[in-house]
N, C-alpha and C. Protein backbone atom coordinates (compact mmCIF):
# COMPACT_ATOMS: atom_id res chain seq x y z
N MET A 1 66.76 -97.79 -63.35
CA MET A 1 66.04 -97.97 -64.52
C MET A 1 67.14 -98.86 -65.34
N PRO A 2 66.78 -99.85 -66.16
CA PRO A 2 65.45 -100.47 -66.39
C PRO A 2 64.94 -101.25 -65.24
N GLN A 3 63.56 -101.31 -65.35
CA GLN A 3 62.88 -102.08 -64.35
C GLN A 3 62.31 -103.44 -65.21
N ILE A 4 62.75 -104.57 -64.89
CA ILE A 4 62.44 -105.84 -65.72
C ILE A 4 61.60 -106.69 -64.78
N THR A 5 60.54 -107.28 -65.33
CA THR A 5 59.81 -108.29 -64.68
C THR A 5 59.59 -109.34 -65.55
N VAL A 6 59.91 -110.63 -65.10
CA VAL A 6 59.76 -111.84 -65.81
C VAL A 6 58.74 -112.74 -65.17
N ASP A 7 57.58 -112.88 -65.61
CA ASP A 7 56.59 -113.78 -65.28
C ASP A 7 56.93 -115.17 -65.93
N TYR A 8 56.78 -116.22 -65.12
CA TYR A 8 56.88 -117.60 -65.90
C TYR A 8 56.14 -118.65 -65.13
N SER A 9 55.84 -119.55 -65.77
CA SER A 9 55.06 -120.64 -65.27
C SER A 9 55.74 -121.62 -64.45
N GLU A 10 55.15 -122.02 -63.31
CA GLU A 10 55.95 -122.83 -62.34
C GLU A 10 56.53 -124.05 -62.87
N GLN A 11 55.83 -124.63 -63.89
CA GLN A 11 56.43 -125.93 -64.53
C GLN A 11 57.74 -125.69 -65.28
N LEU A 12 58.17 -124.42 -65.51
CA LEU A 12 59.31 -124.09 -66.19
C LEU A 12 60.48 -123.85 -65.33
N ALA A 13 60.13 -123.83 -64.00
CA ALA A 13 61.18 -123.34 -63.02
C ALA A 13 62.54 -124.16 -63.05
N ASP A 14 62.43 -125.54 -63.17
CA ASP A 14 63.54 -126.35 -63.03
C ASP A 14 64.51 -126.05 -64.37
N GLY A 15 63.83 -125.68 -65.56
CA GLY A 15 64.61 -125.60 -66.69
C GLY A 15 64.83 -124.14 -67.08
N PHE A 16 64.83 -123.16 -66.19
CA PHE A 16 64.88 -121.79 -66.45
C PHE A 16 66.07 -121.27 -65.68
N ASP A 17 67.14 -120.97 -66.33
CA ASP A 17 68.39 -120.32 -65.78
C ASP A 17 68.12 -118.93 -65.58
N ARG A 18 67.49 -118.64 -64.51
CA ARG A 18 66.95 -117.18 -64.27
C ARG A 18 68.08 -116.13 -64.24
N ARG A 19 69.13 -116.56 -63.35
CA ARG A 19 70.24 -115.75 -63.18
C ARG A 19 71.00 -115.50 -64.46
N GLY A 20 71.24 -116.67 -65.15
CA GLY A 20 71.90 -116.39 -66.46
C GLY A 20 71.21 -115.62 -67.60
N PHE A 21 69.83 -115.72 -67.49
CA PHE A 21 69.00 -114.89 -68.36
C PHE A 21 69.15 -113.39 -67.99
N ALA A 22 69.01 -113.01 -66.69
CA ALA A 22 69.22 -111.62 -66.34
C ALA A 22 70.52 -111.04 -66.65
N LEU A 23 71.60 -111.95 -66.44
CA LEU A 23 72.91 -111.46 -66.60
C LEU A 23 73.31 -111.36 -68.06
N ALA A 24 72.59 -112.04 -68.94
CA ALA A 24 72.54 -111.81 -70.42
C ALA A 24 71.70 -110.73 -70.99
N LEU A 25 70.64 -110.45 -70.26
CA LEU A 25 69.69 -109.38 -70.66
C LEU A 25 70.33 -107.98 -70.41
N HIS A 26 70.88 -107.79 -69.22
CA HIS A 26 71.40 -106.52 -68.90
C HIS A 26 72.33 -105.87 -69.87
N PRO A 27 73.41 -106.64 -70.33
CA PRO A 27 74.26 -105.98 -71.44
C PRO A 27 73.54 -105.85 -72.70
N LEU A 28 72.56 -106.65 -73.00
CA LEU A 28 71.78 -106.31 -74.28
C LEU A 28 71.09 -105.08 -74.04
N LEU A 29 70.42 -104.70 -72.93
CA LEU A 29 69.77 -103.33 -72.67
C LEU A 29 70.81 -102.21 -72.87
N ALA A 30 72.01 -102.49 -72.33
CA ALA A 30 73.15 -101.40 -72.43
C ALA A 30 73.41 -101.25 -73.87
N ASP A 31 73.75 -102.32 -74.67
CA ASP A 31 74.26 -102.32 -76.02
C ASP A 31 73.16 -101.55 -76.95
N VAL A 32 71.98 -102.05 -76.85
CA VAL A 32 70.87 -101.57 -77.59
C VAL A 32 70.08 -100.39 -77.26
N ALA A 33 69.77 -100.22 -75.96
CA ALA A 33 69.01 -99.28 -75.48
C ALA A 33 69.57 -98.20 -74.70
N GLY A 34 71.01 -98.31 -74.58
CA GLY A 34 71.83 -97.21 -73.81
C GLY A 34 71.69 -97.12 -72.32
N ALA A 35 71.10 -98.40 -71.82
CA ALA A 35 70.92 -98.50 -70.42
C ALA A 35 72.24 -98.79 -69.66
N ALA A 36 72.41 -98.22 -68.33
CA ALA A 36 73.52 -98.60 -67.72
C ALA A 36 73.35 -100.10 -67.06
N PRO A 37 74.33 -100.87 -67.37
CA PRO A 37 74.14 -102.32 -66.75
C PRO A 37 73.81 -102.38 -65.27
N GLU A 38 74.52 -101.47 -64.56
CA GLU A 38 74.45 -101.55 -63.10
C GLU A 38 73.13 -100.97 -62.66
N ALA A 39 72.32 -100.36 -63.58
CA ALA A 39 71.09 -99.98 -63.12
C ALA A 39 69.91 -100.77 -63.39
N CYS A 40 70.27 -101.91 -64.20
CA CYS A 40 69.24 -102.80 -64.64
C CYS A 40 68.78 -103.73 -63.30
N LYS A 41 67.53 -103.93 -63.13
CA LYS A 41 67.01 -104.55 -62.04
C LYS A 41 65.86 -105.63 -62.54
N THR A 42 66.17 -106.86 -62.37
CA THR A 42 65.25 -107.97 -62.90
C THR A 42 64.64 -108.68 -61.72
N ARG A 43 63.39 -108.82 -61.67
CA ARG A 43 62.80 -109.83 -60.79
C ARG A 43 61.88 -110.71 -61.51
N PHE A 44 61.92 -111.90 -60.89
CA PHE A 44 61.16 -113.12 -61.43
C PHE A 44 60.03 -113.39 -60.69
N VAL A 45 58.84 -113.63 -61.26
CA VAL A 45 57.60 -113.85 -60.71
C VAL A 45 57.11 -115.26 -61.19
N ARG A 46 57.14 -116.18 -60.18
CA ARG A 46 56.67 -117.53 -60.69
C ARG A 46 55.18 -117.55 -60.58
N THR A 47 54.46 -118.06 -61.60
CA THR A 47 53.02 -118.19 -61.72
C THR A 47 52.72 -119.61 -61.46
N GLU A 48 51.80 -119.86 -60.37
CA GLU A 48 51.37 -121.25 -60.23
C GLU A 48 50.59 -121.98 -61.23
N GLU A 49 49.84 -121.14 -61.81
CA GLU A 49 48.95 -121.74 -62.71
C GLU A 49 48.54 -120.88 -63.91
N CYS A 50 48.57 -121.38 -65.18
CA CYS A 50 48.34 -120.76 -66.39
C CYS A 50 47.56 -121.68 -67.35
N VAL A 51 46.71 -121.06 -68.09
CA VAL A 51 46.02 -121.84 -69.09
C VAL A 51 46.16 -121.17 -70.51
N VAL A 52 46.43 -121.90 -71.54
CA VAL A 52 46.62 -121.50 -72.87
C VAL A 52 45.38 -122.12 -73.62
N GLY A 53 44.86 -121.28 -74.40
CA GLY A 53 43.85 -122.02 -75.24
C GLY A 53 42.62 -122.49 -74.59
N ASP A 54 42.42 -123.81 -74.91
CA ASP A 54 41.51 -124.62 -74.30
C ASP A 54 41.76 -125.35 -73.04
N GLY A 55 43.16 -125.11 -72.84
CA GLY A 55 43.69 -125.78 -71.66
C GLY A 55 44.16 -127.24 -71.72
N ALA A 56 43.95 -127.75 -73.02
CA ALA A 56 44.24 -129.24 -73.21
C ALA A 56 45.66 -129.54 -73.38
N GLY A 57 46.54 -128.64 -73.71
CA GLY A 57 47.87 -129.00 -73.88
C GLY A 57 48.86 -128.71 -72.61
N SER A 58 50.04 -129.10 -72.79
CA SER A 58 51.09 -128.89 -71.66
C SER A 58 51.74 -127.66 -72.17
N ASP A 59 51.53 -126.50 -71.51
CA ASP A 59 52.08 -125.33 -71.95
C ASP A 59 52.82 -124.57 -70.72
N GLY A 60 53.77 -123.86 -71.10
CA GLY A 60 54.46 -122.86 -70.16
C GLY A 60 54.60 -121.60 -70.82
N ILE A 61 54.56 -120.59 -69.88
CA ILE A 61 54.60 -119.10 -70.46
C ILE A 61 55.76 -118.40 -69.69
N VAL A 62 56.44 -117.67 -70.68
CA VAL A 62 57.39 -116.67 -70.07
C VAL A 62 57.03 -115.38 -70.67
N HIS A 63 56.73 -114.33 -69.91
CA HIS A 63 56.55 -112.97 -70.41
C HIS A 63 57.56 -112.05 -69.81
N VAL A 64 58.14 -111.29 -70.64
CA VAL A 64 59.24 -110.33 -70.16
C VAL A 64 58.66 -108.92 -70.49
N MET A 65 58.66 -108.10 -69.24
CA MET A 65 58.19 -106.83 -69.39
C MET A 65 59.32 -105.91 -68.86
N ILE A 66 59.67 -105.08 -69.79
CA ILE A 66 60.91 -104.03 -69.56
C ILE A 66 60.35 -102.62 -69.55
N GLY A 67 60.61 -101.99 -68.33
CA GLY A 67 60.21 -100.62 -68.21
C GLY A 67 61.42 -99.78 -68.35
N LEU A 68 61.29 -98.85 -69.39
CA LEU A 68 62.35 -97.95 -69.78
C LEU A 68 61.90 -96.50 -69.71
N LEU A 69 62.81 -95.64 -69.38
CA LEU A 69 62.49 -93.97 -69.49
C LEU A 69 62.12 -93.93 -70.96
N ALA A 70 61.05 -93.05 -71.16
CA ALA A 70 60.65 -92.71 -72.50
C ALA A 70 61.63 -92.05 -73.43
N GLY A 71 61.53 -92.27 -74.70
CA GLY A 71 62.51 -91.57 -75.66
C GLY A 71 63.07 -92.65 -76.61
N ARG A 72 63.03 -93.94 -76.35
CA ARG A 72 63.57 -94.91 -77.26
C ARG A 72 62.66 -94.98 -78.56
N SER A 73 63.29 -95.28 -79.75
CA SER A 73 62.51 -95.34 -80.88
C SER A 73 61.84 -96.81 -80.99
N ALA A 74 60.82 -96.82 -81.82
CA ALA A 74 60.07 -98.08 -82.04
C ALA A 74 61.15 -99.22 -82.42
N GLU A 75 62.12 -98.88 -83.26
CA GLU A 75 63.11 -99.74 -83.90
C GLU A 75 63.91 -100.37 -82.59
N THR A 76 64.39 -99.47 -81.86
CA THR A 76 65.16 -99.71 -80.62
C THR A 76 64.46 -100.72 -79.69
N LYS A 77 63.18 -100.45 -79.51
CA LYS A 77 62.33 -101.15 -78.61
C LYS A 77 62.08 -102.70 -79.29
N ALA A 78 61.84 -102.80 -80.59
CA ALA A 78 61.63 -103.95 -81.14
C ALA A 78 63.07 -104.78 -81.08
N ARG A 79 64.28 -104.07 -81.34
CA ARG A 79 65.41 -104.83 -81.21
C ARG A 79 65.66 -105.40 -79.77
N VAL A 80 65.22 -104.67 -78.83
CA VAL A 80 65.32 -105.28 -77.31
C VAL A 80 64.44 -106.40 -77.16
N THR A 81 63.15 -106.27 -77.66
CA THR A 81 62.27 -107.38 -77.38
C THR A 81 62.65 -108.62 -78.34
N GLU A 82 63.16 -108.48 -79.43
CA GLU A 82 63.63 -109.59 -80.20
C GLU A 82 64.77 -110.27 -79.44
N GLY A 83 65.58 -109.45 -78.90
CA GLY A 83 66.85 -109.89 -78.27
C GLY A 83 66.41 -110.69 -76.88
N ALA A 84 65.57 -110.11 -76.24
CA ALA A 84 64.88 -110.83 -75.15
C ALA A 84 64.29 -112.27 -75.36
N LEU A 85 63.69 -112.28 -76.42
CA LEU A 85 63.00 -113.49 -76.87
C LEU A 85 64.10 -114.54 -77.16
N GLU A 86 65.07 -114.08 -77.84
CA GLU A 86 66.13 -114.96 -78.13
C GLU A 86 66.94 -115.64 -76.91
N LEU A 87 67.03 -114.64 -75.93
CA LEU A 87 67.64 -115.07 -74.64
C LEU A 87 66.65 -116.11 -73.91
N VAL A 88 65.38 -115.92 -74.08
CA VAL A 88 64.38 -116.71 -73.46
C VAL A 88 64.63 -118.16 -74.07
N ARG A 89 64.77 -118.19 -75.33
CA ARG A 89 65.06 -119.45 -76.02
C ARG A 89 66.41 -120.13 -75.46
N GLN A 90 67.38 -119.41 -75.35
CA GLN A 90 68.65 -119.89 -74.81
C GLN A 90 68.55 -120.27 -73.32
N TYR A 91 67.78 -119.68 -72.45
CA TYR A 91 67.83 -119.93 -71.07
C TYR A 91 66.76 -120.63 -70.42
N VAL A 92 65.69 -120.99 -71.21
CA VAL A 92 64.65 -121.81 -70.85
C VAL A 92 64.63 -123.08 -71.66
N LYS A 93 64.71 -124.16 -70.81
CA LYS A 93 64.72 -125.43 -71.48
C LYS A 93 63.57 -126.23 -71.00
N PRO A 94 62.43 -126.14 -71.56
CA PRO A 94 61.23 -126.75 -71.03
C PRO A 94 61.29 -128.41 -70.98
N ALA A 95 60.69 -128.90 -69.90
CA ALA A 95 60.67 -130.48 -69.89
C ALA A 95 60.04 -131.02 -71.24
N ASP A 96 60.44 -132.20 -71.35
CA ASP A 96 59.82 -132.98 -72.56
C ASP A 96 58.20 -132.82 -72.59
N GLY A 97 57.79 -132.52 -73.77
CA GLY A 97 56.25 -132.44 -73.95
C GLY A 97 55.71 -131.12 -73.57
N LEU A 98 56.46 -130.20 -72.96
CA LEU A 98 56.04 -128.90 -72.62
C LEU A 98 56.27 -127.90 -73.63
N ARG A 99 55.34 -127.16 -74.07
CA ARG A 99 55.35 -126.09 -75.19
C ARG A 99 55.61 -124.84 -74.55
N LEU A 100 56.69 -124.06 -74.98
CA LEU A 100 56.98 -122.84 -74.57
C LEU A 100 56.20 -121.66 -75.34
N HIS A 101 55.49 -120.86 -74.68
CA HIS A 101 54.99 -119.63 -75.22
C HIS A 101 55.71 -118.42 -74.54
N ALA A 102 56.48 -117.77 -75.40
CA ALA A 102 57.40 -116.55 -74.88
C ALA A 102 56.87 -115.31 -75.52
N SER A 103 56.87 -114.25 -74.75
CA SER A 103 56.68 -112.97 -75.33
C SER A 103 57.36 -111.94 -74.48
N ALA A 104 57.50 -110.71 -75.08
CA ALA A 104 58.28 -109.67 -74.51
C ALA A 104 57.72 -108.33 -74.90
N GLU A 105 57.76 -107.32 -74.06
CA GLU A 105 57.27 -105.94 -74.29
C GLU A 105 58.12 -104.88 -73.67
N ILE A 106 58.08 -103.73 -74.12
CA ILE A 106 58.67 -102.65 -73.46
C ILE A 106 57.57 -101.60 -73.11
N ARG A 107 57.54 -101.10 -71.92
CA ARG A 107 56.71 -99.95 -71.65
C ARG A 107 57.52 -98.78 -71.22
N ASP A 108 57.03 -97.51 -71.42
CA ASP A 108 57.68 -96.36 -71.13
C ASP A 108 57.31 -96.00 -69.56
N LEU A 109 58.37 -95.87 -68.83
CA LEU A 109 58.11 -95.41 -67.43
C LEU A 109 57.36 -94.25 -67.46
N ASP A 110 56.58 -94.02 -66.50
CA ASP A 110 55.78 -92.59 -66.19
C ASP A 110 56.85 -91.68 -65.79
N ALA A 111 56.42 -90.39 -66.12
CA ALA A 111 57.33 -89.31 -65.83
C ALA A 111 57.61 -89.18 -64.26
N SER A 112 56.62 -89.75 -63.45
CA SER A 112 56.74 -89.69 -62.05
C SER A 112 57.74 -90.72 -61.52
N TYR A 113 58.43 -91.60 -62.40
CA TYR A 113 59.33 -92.63 -61.87
C TYR A 113 60.45 -91.98 -61.09
N ARG A 114 60.74 -92.61 -60.01
CA ARG A 114 61.91 -92.20 -59.15
C ARG A 114 62.54 -93.44 -58.61
N LYS A 115 63.71 -93.26 -58.24
CA LYS A 115 64.51 -94.50 -57.66
C LYS A 115 65.35 -94.00 -56.47
N SER A 116 65.67 -95.10 -55.74
CA SER A 116 66.44 -94.79 -54.64
C SER A 116 67.16 -96.08 -54.29
N ALA A 117 68.48 -95.91 -54.05
CA ALA A 117 69.36 -97.10 -53.61
C ALA A 117 70.12 -96.61 -52.32
N GLU A 118 70.00 -97.42 -51.45
CA GLU A 118 70.60 -97.10 -50.12
C GLU A 118 71.41 -98.35 -49.62
N ALA A 119 72.52 -98.07 -48.86
CA ALA A 119 73.15 -99.18 -48.48
C ALA A 119 72.74 -99.59 -47.03
């Protein structure tokens, strides 16, 4: 825990420092939400196609979904998502003419959540 999934448009791939983003997000989660940095796991999912509005523009999408164990306040969750959006702005440099749509959310992990790490 935390489980982080970052969906992003294919056309943003070259301008997205994914590793840098993850390495900046993990300490943010530790500082704001009390997560252990070594427990943070981030995976990136490239989306081949996306459509925004009527599809007429050149748009790229980044959506950050963070799964945390229940118990964080709404204020803490908001601070994390605002921080995640600031990191998106720092680590995603869209190509000229490409408009970036960024969003972030936190969901509470279900009580059934379990993890295992083996060598």
